[in-house]
Protein backbone atom coordinates (compact mmCIF):
# COMPACT_ATOMS: atom_id res chain seq x y z
CA UNK A 1 0.00 0.00 0.00
CA UNK A 2 1.26 3.47 -0.90
CA UNK A 3 -0.35 6.63 0.45
CA UNK A 4 0.38 9.99 -1.15
CA UNK A 5 -0.90 12.61 1.27
CA UNK A 6 -1.19 16.36 0.75
CA UNK A 7 -2.55 18.90 3.19
CA UNK A 8 -4.63 21.93 2.26
CA UNK A 9 -3.94 24.34 5.13
CA UNK A 10 -6.60 26.83 4.02
CA UNK A 11 -9.33 24.18 3.92
CA UNK A 12 -8.00 22.22 6.91
CA UNK A 13 -8.17 18.96 4.95
CA UNK A 14 -5.74 16.19 4.11
CA UNK A 15 -6.17 14.51 0.72
CA UNK A 16 -4.94 10.95 0.23
CA UNK A 17 -4.36 8.98 -2.97
CA UNK A 18 -4.03 5.32 -1.92
CA UNK A 19 -2.58 2.67 -4.21
CA UNK A 20 -2.95 -0.96 -3.11
CA UNK A 21 -1.47 -4.02 -4.80
CA UNK A 22 -2.86 -7.45 -3.87
CA UNK A 23 -2.31 -10.66 -5.81
CA UNK A 24 -1.02 -8.64 -8.75
CA UNK A 25 -4.11 -6.44 -8.87
CA UNK A 26 -3.74 -2.67 -8.47
CA UNK A 27 -6.53 -0.57 -6.98
CA UNK A 28 -6.62 3.17 -6.40
CA UNK A 29 -8.69 5.04 -3.85
CA UNK A 30 -8.93 8.71 -2.97
CA UNK A 31 -10.26 10.20 0.23
CA UNK A 32 -10.19 13.44 2.16
CA UNK A 33 -10.31 14.08 5.90
CA UNK A 34 -11.10 17.22 7.83
CA UNK A 35 -8.31 18.09 10.23
CA UNK A 36 -9.04 20.82 12.77
CA UNK A 37 -6.27 23.29 13.51
CA UNK A 38 -4.40 23.38 16.80
CA UNK A 39 -6.25 26.56 17.78
CA UNK A 40 -9.64 24.96 17.02
CA UNK A 41 -8.77 21.94 19.15
CA UNK A 42 -7.57 24.05 22.06
CA UNK A 43 -10.70 26.24 21.85
CA UNK A 44 -12.96 23.16 21.89
CA UNK A 45 -11.14 21.71 24.90
CA UNK A 46 -11.40 25.01 26.82
CA UNK A 47 -15.13 25.12 25.99
CA UNK A 48 -15.43 21.53 27.28
CA UNK A 49 -14.09 22.65 30.65
CA UNK A 50 -10.38 21.86 30.52
CA UNK A 51 -8.25 24.45 32.32
CA UNK A 52 -4.83 24.13 30.75
CA UNK A 53 -4.54 23.14 27.10
CA UNK A 54 -1.25 22.97 25.19
CA UNK A 55 -0.63 22.27 21.50
CA UNK A 56 2.78 20.61 21.19
CA UNK A 57 4.86 19.02 18.45
CA UNK A 58 6.50 15.60 18.49
CA UNK A 59 9.39 16.92 20.62
CA UNK A 60 7.18 18.54 23.28
CA UNK A 61 7.83 22.07 21.98
CA UNK A 62 4.97 24.41 21.01
CA UNK A 63 3.47 23.35 17.68
CA UNK A 64 4.57 25.32 14.59
CA UNK A 65 3.44 25.18 10.95
CA UNK A 66 6.46 23.01 10.04
CA UNK A 67 5.84 20.51 12.89
CA UNK A 68 5.39 16.91 11.78
CA UNK A 69 2.96 15.96 14.57
CA UNK A 70 0.37 17.64 16.75
CA UNK A 71 -0.02 16.52 20.35
CA UNK A 72 -2.64 18.24 22.49
CA UNK A 73 -2.33 18.02 26.27
CA UNK A 74 -5.38 19.04 28.27
CA UNK A 75 -5.55 19.19 32.07
CA UNK A 76 -8.74 19.27 34.11
CA UNK A 77 -9.36 22.65 35.72
C-alpha atoms as a PDB file:
ATOM      1  CA  UNK A   1       0.000   0.000   0.000  1.00  0.00           C
ATOM      2  CA  UNK A   2       1.263   3.467  -0.896  1.00  0.00           C
ATOM      3  CA  UNK A   3      -0.349   6.626   0.445  1.00  0.00           C
ATOM      4  CA  UNK A   4       0.377   9.987  -1.147  1.00  0.00           C
ATOM      5  CA  UNK A   5      -0.902  12.613   1.270  1.00  0.00           C
ATOM      6  CA  UNK A   6      -1.189  16.356   0.752  1.00  0.00           C
ATOM      7  CA  UNK A   7      -2.550  18.901   3.190  1.00  0.00           C
ATOM      8  CA  UNK A   8      -4.628  21.933   2.261  1.00  0.00           C
ATOM      9  CA  UNK A   9      -3.940  24.341   5.125  1.00  0.00           C
ATOM     10  CA  UNK A  10      -6.602  26.833   4.021  1.00  0.00           C
ATOM     11  CA  UNK A  11      -9.332  24.179   3.918  1.00  0.00           C
ATOM     12  CA  UNK A  12      -7.998  22.218   6.915  1.00  0.00           C
ATOM     13  CA  UNK A  13      -8.166  18.958   4.949  1.00  0.00           C
ATOM     14  CA  UNK A  14      -5.742  16.186   4.106  1.00  0.00           C
ATOM     15  CA  UNK A  15      -6.168  14.511   0.720  1.00  0.00           C
ATOM     16  CA  UNK A  16      -4.936  10.948   0.231  1.00  0.00           C
ATOM     17  CA  UNK A  17      -4.359   8.981  -2.967  1.00  0.00           C
ATOM     18  CA  UNK A  18      -4.026   5.322  -1.923  1.00  0.00           C
ATOM     19  CA  UNK A  19      -2.579   2.668  -4.210  1.00  0.00           C
ATOM     20  CA  UNK A  20      -2.948  -0.956  -3.113  1.00  0.00           C
ATOM     21  CA  UNK A  21      -1.473  -4.025  -4.802  1.00  0.00           C
ATOM     22  CA  UNK A  22      -2.864  -7.454  -3.873  1.00  0.00           C
ATOM     23  CA  UNK A  23      -2.312 -10.656  -5.814  1.00  0.00           C
ATOM     24  CA  UNK A  24      -1.019  -8.636  -8.749  1.00  0.00           C
ATOM     25  CA  UNK A  25      -4.114  -6.443  -8.867  1.00  0.00           C
ATOM     26  CA  UNK A  26      -3.736  -2.667  -8.473  1.00  0.00           C
ATOM     27  CA  UNK A  27      -6.526  -0.573  -6.982  1.00  0.00           C
ATOM     28  CA  UNK A  28      -6.624   3.171  -6.399  1.00  0.00           C
ATOM     29  CA  UNK A  29      -8.695   5.041  -3.850  1.00  0.00           C
ATOM     30  CA  UNK A  30      -8.929   8.706  -2.973  1.00  0.00           C
ATOM     31  CA  UNK A  31     -10.256  10.196   0.230  1.00  0.00           C
ATOM     32  CA  UNK A  32     -10.193  13.445   2.155  1.00  0.00           C
ATOM     33  CA  UNK A  33     -10.307  14.079   5.898  1.00  0.00           C
ATOM     34  CA  UNK A  34     -11.101  17.224   7.830  1.00  0.00           C
ATOM     35  CA  UNK A  35      -8.315  18.090  10.235  1.00  0.00           C
ATOM     36  CA  UNK A  36      -9.045  20.817  12.767  1.00  0.00           C
ATOM     37  CA  UNK A  37      -6.269  23.288  13.506  1.00  0.00           C
ATOM     38  CA  UNK A  38      -4.398  23.381  16.800  1.00  0.00           C
ATOM     39  CA  UNK A  39      -6.251  26.562  17.781  1.00  0.00           C
ATOM     40  CA  UNK A  40      -9.638  24.959  17.016  1.00  0.00           C
ATOM     41  CA  UNK A  41      -8.769  21.940  19.151  1.00  0.00           C
ATOM     42  CA  UNK A  42      -7.571  24.052  22.061  1.00  0.00           C
ATOM     43  CA  UNK A  43     -10.697  26.242  21.848  1.00  0.00           C
ATOM     44  CA  UNK A  44     -12.958  23.161  21.886  1.00  0.00           C
ATOM     45  CA  UNK A  45     -11.138  21.715  24.900  1.00  0.00           C
ATOM     46  CA  UNK A  46     -11.398  25.008  26.823  1.00  0.00           C
ATOM     47  CA  UNK A  47     -15.128  25.116  25.995  1.00  0.00           C
ATOM     48  CA  UNK A  48     -15.433  21.534  27.283  1.00  0.00           C
ATOM     49  CA  UNK A  49     -14.093  22.653  30.652  1.00  0.00           C
ATOM     50  CA  UNK A  50     -10.380  21.862  30.520  1.00  0.00           C
ATOM     51  CA  UNK A  51      -8.254  24.446  32.320  1.00  0.00           C
ATOM     52  CA  UNK A  52      -4.831  24.134  30.747  1.00  0.00           C
ATOM     53  CA  UNK A  53      -4.537  23.143  27.102  1.00  0.00           C
ATOM     54  CA  UNK A  54      -1.251  22.968  25.188  1.00  0.00           C
ATOM     55  CA  UNK A  55      -0.630  22.268  21.502  1.00  0.00           C
ATOM     56  CA  UNK A  56       2.781  20.613  21.189  1.00  0.00           C
ATOM     57  CA  UNK A  57       4.860  19.023  18.452  1.00  0.00           C
ATOM     58  CA  UNK A  58       6.503  15.601  18.486  1.00  0.00           C
ATOM     59  CA  UNK A  59       9.388  16.918  20.625  1.00  0.00           C
ATOM     60  CA  UNK A  60       7.179  18.542  23.279  1.00  0.00           C
ATOM     61  CA  UNK A  61       7.828  22.065  21.980  1.00  0.00           C
ATOM     62  CA  UNK A  62       4.971  24.409  21.008  1.00  0.00           C
ATOM     63  CA  UNK A  63       3.472  23.347  17.683  1.00  0.00           C
ATOM     64  CA  UNK A  64       4.570  25.323  14.592  1.00  0.00           C
ATOM     65  CA  UNK A  65       3.437  25.183  10.949  1.00  0.00           C
ATOM     66  CA  UNK A  66       6.457  23.012  10.043  1.00  0.00           C
ATOM     67  CA  UNK A  67       5.843  20.506  12.888  1.00  0.00           C
ATOM     68  CA  UNK A  68       5.391  16.907  11.781  1.00  0.00           C
ATOM     69  CA  UNK A  69       2.965  15.962  14.573  1.00  0.00           C
ATOM     70  CA  UNK A  70       0.367  17.638  16.754  1.00  0.00           C
ATOM     71  CA  UNK A  71      -0.019  16.518  20.352  1.00  0.00           C
ATOM     72  CA  UNK A  72      -2.641  18.244  22.488  1.00  0.00           C
ATOM     73  CA  UNK A  73      -2.328  18.025  26.266  1.00  0.00           C
ATOM     74  CA  UNK A  74      -5.376  19.042  28.273  1.00  0.00           C
ATOM     75  CA  UNK A  75      -5.549  19.187  32.065  1.00  0.00           C
ATOM     76  CA  UNK A  76      -8.739  19.273  34.114  1.00  0.00           C
ATOM     77  CA  UNK A  77      -9.361  22.653  35.721  1.00  0.00           C
END
